[in-house]
N, C-alpha and C. Protein backbone atom coordinates (compact mmCIF):
# COMPACT_ATOMS: atom_id res chain seq x y z
N MET A 1 -13.71 61.14 57.20
CA MET A 1 -13.02 60.30 58.17
C MET A 1 -12.34 61.21 59.19
N ASN A 2 -12.59 60.95 60.46
CA ASN A 2 -11.99 61.82 61.47
C ASN A 2 -10.59 61.36 61.86
N ILE A 3 -9.91 62.19 62.60
CA ILE A 3 -8.51 61.95 62.93
C ILE A 3 -8.34 60.75 63.85
N GLU A 4 -9.28 60.51 64.76
CA GLU A 4 -9.18 59.37 65.67
C GLU A 4 -9.24 58.05 64.89
N LEU A 5 -10.05 58.02 63.87
CA LEU A 5 -10.16 56.82 63.04
C LEU A 5 -8.85 56.57 62.29
N ARG A 6 -8.23 57.62 61.81
CA ARG A 6 -6.94 57.48 61.10
C ARG A 6 -5.86 56.96 62.04
N PHE A 7 -5.81 57.49 63.28
CA PHE A 7 -4.84 57.01 64.26
C PHE A 7 -5.08 55.54 64.60
N LEU A 8 -6.33 55.16 64.70
CA LEU A 8 -6.66 53.78 65.00
C LEU A 8 -6.26 52.85 63.86
N GLN A 9 -6.46 53.27 62.62
CA GLN A 9 -6.03 52.48 61.46
C GLN A 9 -4.52 52.30 61.46
N LYS A 10 -3.80 53.36 61.79
CA LYS A 10 -2.33 53.30 61.85
C LYS A 10 -1.88 52.35 62.96
N ALA A 11 -2.55 52.37 64.09
CA ALA A 11 -2.21 51.47 65.20
C ALA A 11 -2.42 50.00 64.81
N VAL A 12 -3.46 49.73 64.05
CA VAL A 12 -3.72 48.36 63.59
C VAL A 12 -2.61 47.92 62.63
N LEU A 13 -2.24 48.78 61.71
CA LEU A 13 -1.18 48.44 60.74
C LEU A 13 0.18 48.26 61.41
N ASP A 14 0.48 49.12 62.37
CA ASP A 14 1.79 49.07 63.04
C ASP A 14 1.83 48.07 64.19
N LYS A 15 0.67 47.49 64.53
CA LYS A 15 0.55 46.53 65.63
C LYS A 15 0.98 47.14 66.96
N ASN A 16 0.44 48.30 67.27
CA ASN A 16 0.68 48.96 68.56
C ASN A 16 -0.49 48.69 69.50
N TYR A 17 -0.19 48.60 70.79
CA TYR A 17 -1.24 48.48 71.78
C TYR A 17 -2.00 49.80 71.85
N ILE A 18 -3.28 49.74 72.26
CA ILE A 18 -4.07 50.95 72.43
C ILE A 18 -4.78 50.92 73.78
N ASN A 19 -5.08 52.11 74.29
CA ASN A 19 -5.89 52.30 75.49
C ASN A 19 -7.06 53.17 75.10
N PHE A 20 -8.23 52.89 75.64
CA PHE A 20 -9.40 53.72 75.33
C PHE A 20 -10.49 53.50 76.37
N THR A 21 -11.49 54.36 76.31
CA THR A 21 -12.66 54.25 77.17
C THR A 21 -13.83 53.81 76.30
N TYR A 22 -14.55 52.79 76.76
CA TYR A 22 -15.69 52.26 76.02
C TYR A 22 -16.87 52.13 76.97
N ASP A 23 -17.90 52.90 76.76
CA ASP A 23 -19.08 52.91 77.63
C ASP A 23 -18.70 53.07 79.11
N LYS A 24 -17.90 54.07 79.40
CA LYS A 24 -17.46 54.41 80.77
C LYS A 24 -16.59 53.34 81.41
N GLN A 25 -16.02 52.47 80.60
CA GLN A 25 -15.13 51.42 81.09
C GLN A 25 -13.75 51.65 80.47
N LYS A 26 -12.72 51.79 81.32
CA LYS A 26 -11.37 52.03 80.81
C LYS A 26 -10.70 50.71 80.47
N LEU A 27 -10.22 50.63 79.24
CA LEU A 27 -9.54 49.43 78.75
C LEU A 27 -8.10 49.78 78.44
N LYS A 28 -7.17 48.96 78.90
CA LYS A 28 -5.75 49.24 78.72
C LYS A 28 -5.05 48.07 78.05
N LYS A 29 -4.06 48.42 77.26
CA LYS A 29 -3.18 47.46 76.59
C LYS A 29 -3.99 46.45 75.78
N ILE A 30 -4.79 46.97 74.85
CA ILE A 30 -5.64 46.15 73.98
C ILE A 30 -4.92 45.95 72.65
N LYS A 31 -4.99 44.73 72.11
CA LYS A 31 -4.40 44.42 70.81
C LYS A 31 -5.44 44.62 69.71
N PRO A 32 -5.31 45.67 68.91
CA PRO A 32 -6.27 45.84 67.80
C PRO A 32 -5.87 44.94 66.63
N LEU A 33 -6.81 44.13 66.15
CA LEU A 33 -6.51 43.20 65.06
C LEU A 33 -6.94 43.74 63.70
N LYS A 34 -8.15 44.27 63.62
CA LYS A 34 -8.59 44.86 62.36
C LYS A 34 -9.73 45.84 62.61
N LEU A 35 -9.95 46.69 61.61
CA LEU A 35 -11.00 47.69 61.65
C LEU A 35 -11.88 47.47 60.43
N THR A 36 -13.17 47.25 60.66
CA THR A 36 -14.08 46.98 59.55
C THR A 36 -15.18 48.03 59.50
N GLN A 37 -15.77 48.17 58.32
CA GLN A 37 -16.87 49.10 58.13
C GLN A 37 -18.10 48.31 57.68
N LYS A 38 -19.24 48.57 58.34
CA LYS A 38 -20.48 47.91 57.98
C LYS A 38 -21.60 48.93 58.12
N ASP A 39 -22.29 49.20 57.04
CA ASP A 39 -23.40 50.15 57.03
C ASP A 39 -23.00 51.50 57.61
N SER A 40 -21.93 52.07 57.16
CA SER A 40 -21.37 53.37 57.55
C SER A 40 -20.96 53.45 59.02
N ASN A 41 -20.85 52.31 59.71
CA ASN A 41 -20.33 52.25 61.08
C ASN A 41 -19.03 51.47 61.06
N TYR A 42 -18.08 51.90 61.87
CA TYR A 42 -16.80 51.21 61.98
C TYR A 42 -16.78 50.36 63.24
N TYR A 43 -16.12 49.19 63.14
CA TYR A 43 -16.01 48.27 64.26
C TYR A 43 -14.55 47.87 64.43
N LEU A 44 -14.09 47.89 65.68
CA LEU A 44 -12.72 47.51 66.01
C LEU A 44 -12.75 46.08 66.53
N HIS A 45 -12.03 45.19 65.84
CA HIS A 45 -11.93 43.79 66.25
C HIS A 45 -10.65 43.63 67.04
N THR A 46 -10.78 43.05 68.22
CA THR A 46 -9.62 42.79 69.07
C THR A 46 -9.61 41.31 69.42
N LYS A 47 -8.61 40.91 70.17
CA LYS A 47 -8.50 39.52 70.57
C LYS A 47 -9.64 39.12 71.52
N VAL A 48 -10.14 40.09 72.27
CA VAL A 48 -11.16 39.83 73.29
C VAL A 48 -12.58 40.03 72.77
N SER A 49 -12.82 41.10 72.02
CA SER A 49 -14.18 41.47 71.67
C SER A 49 -14.20 42.34 70.41
N ILE A 50 -15.41 42.76 70.04
CA ILE A 50 -15.62 43.70 68.93
C ILE A 50 -16.25 44.96 69.52
N TYR A 51 -15.66 46.11 69.21
CA TYR A 51 -16.12 47.38 69.76
C TYR A 51 -16.63 48.28 68.65
N GLU A 52 -17.71 48.98 68.91
CA GLU A 52 -18.26 49.95 67.97
C GLU A 52 -17.47 51.25 68.10
N PHE A 53 -16.98 51.77 66.99
CA PHE A 53 -16.10 52.94 67.02
C PHE A 53 -16.79 54.17 67.61
N ASP A 54 -18.07 54.34 67.39
CA ASP A 54 -18.78 55.52 67.89
C ASP A 54 -18.80 55.59 69.41
N LYS A 55 -18.65 54.47 70.08
CA LYS A 55 -18.68 54.44 71.54
C LYS A 55 -17.29 54.51 72.16
N ILE A 56 -16.25 54.52 71.33
CA ILE A 56 -14.87 54.59 71.82
C ILE A 56 -14.50 56.04 72.04
N LYS A 57 -13.94 56.33 73.22
CA LYS A 57 -13.49 57.69 73.56
C LYS A 57 -12.05 57.62 74.08
N ASN A 58 -11.37 58.75 74.08
CA ASN A 58 -10.03 58.90 74.66
C ASN A 58 -9.05 57.83 74.19
N ILE A 59 -8.89 57.73 72.88
CA ILE A 59 -7.97 56.74 72.32
C ILE A 59 -6.54 57.18 72.53
N GLN A 60 -5.71 56.27 73.05
CA GLN A 60 -4.28 56.52 73.22
C GLN A 60 -3.54 55.38 72.56
N ILE A 61 -2.62 55.73 71.68
CA ILE A 61 -1.81 54.74 70.97
C ILE A 61 -0.49 54.60 71.71
N SER A 62 -0.15 53.39 72.07
CA SER A 62 1.10 53.12 72.79
C SER A 62 2.24 52.94 71.79
N LYS A 63 3.44 53.24 72.22
CA LYS A 63 4.61 52.99 71.37
C LYS A 63 5.02 51.53 71.42
N GLU A 64 4.53 50.82 72.40
CA GLU A 64 4.85 49.41 72.58
C GLU A 64 4.11 48.57 71.54
N LYS A 65 4.82 47.67 70.90
CA LYS A 65 4.24 46.81 69.86
C LYS A 65 4.02 45.41 70.40
N PHE A 66 3.09 44.68 69.76
CA PHE A 66 2.87 43.28 70.16
C PHE A 66 3.30 42.34 69.08
């Protein structure tokens, strides 16, 4: 398990907003709801969509909670 995945799990538990880049698209102030694993791939479930962890880059965890 890499460090980015651990930070993302902590953000989900603490209910912190996150910012990240997904397929060259910058997403800001996203609410992470849960992180699931399916066939050795991780998926981030948010209020808007489901993102594949392998395509997520530049994860930033905000101190602001929702």
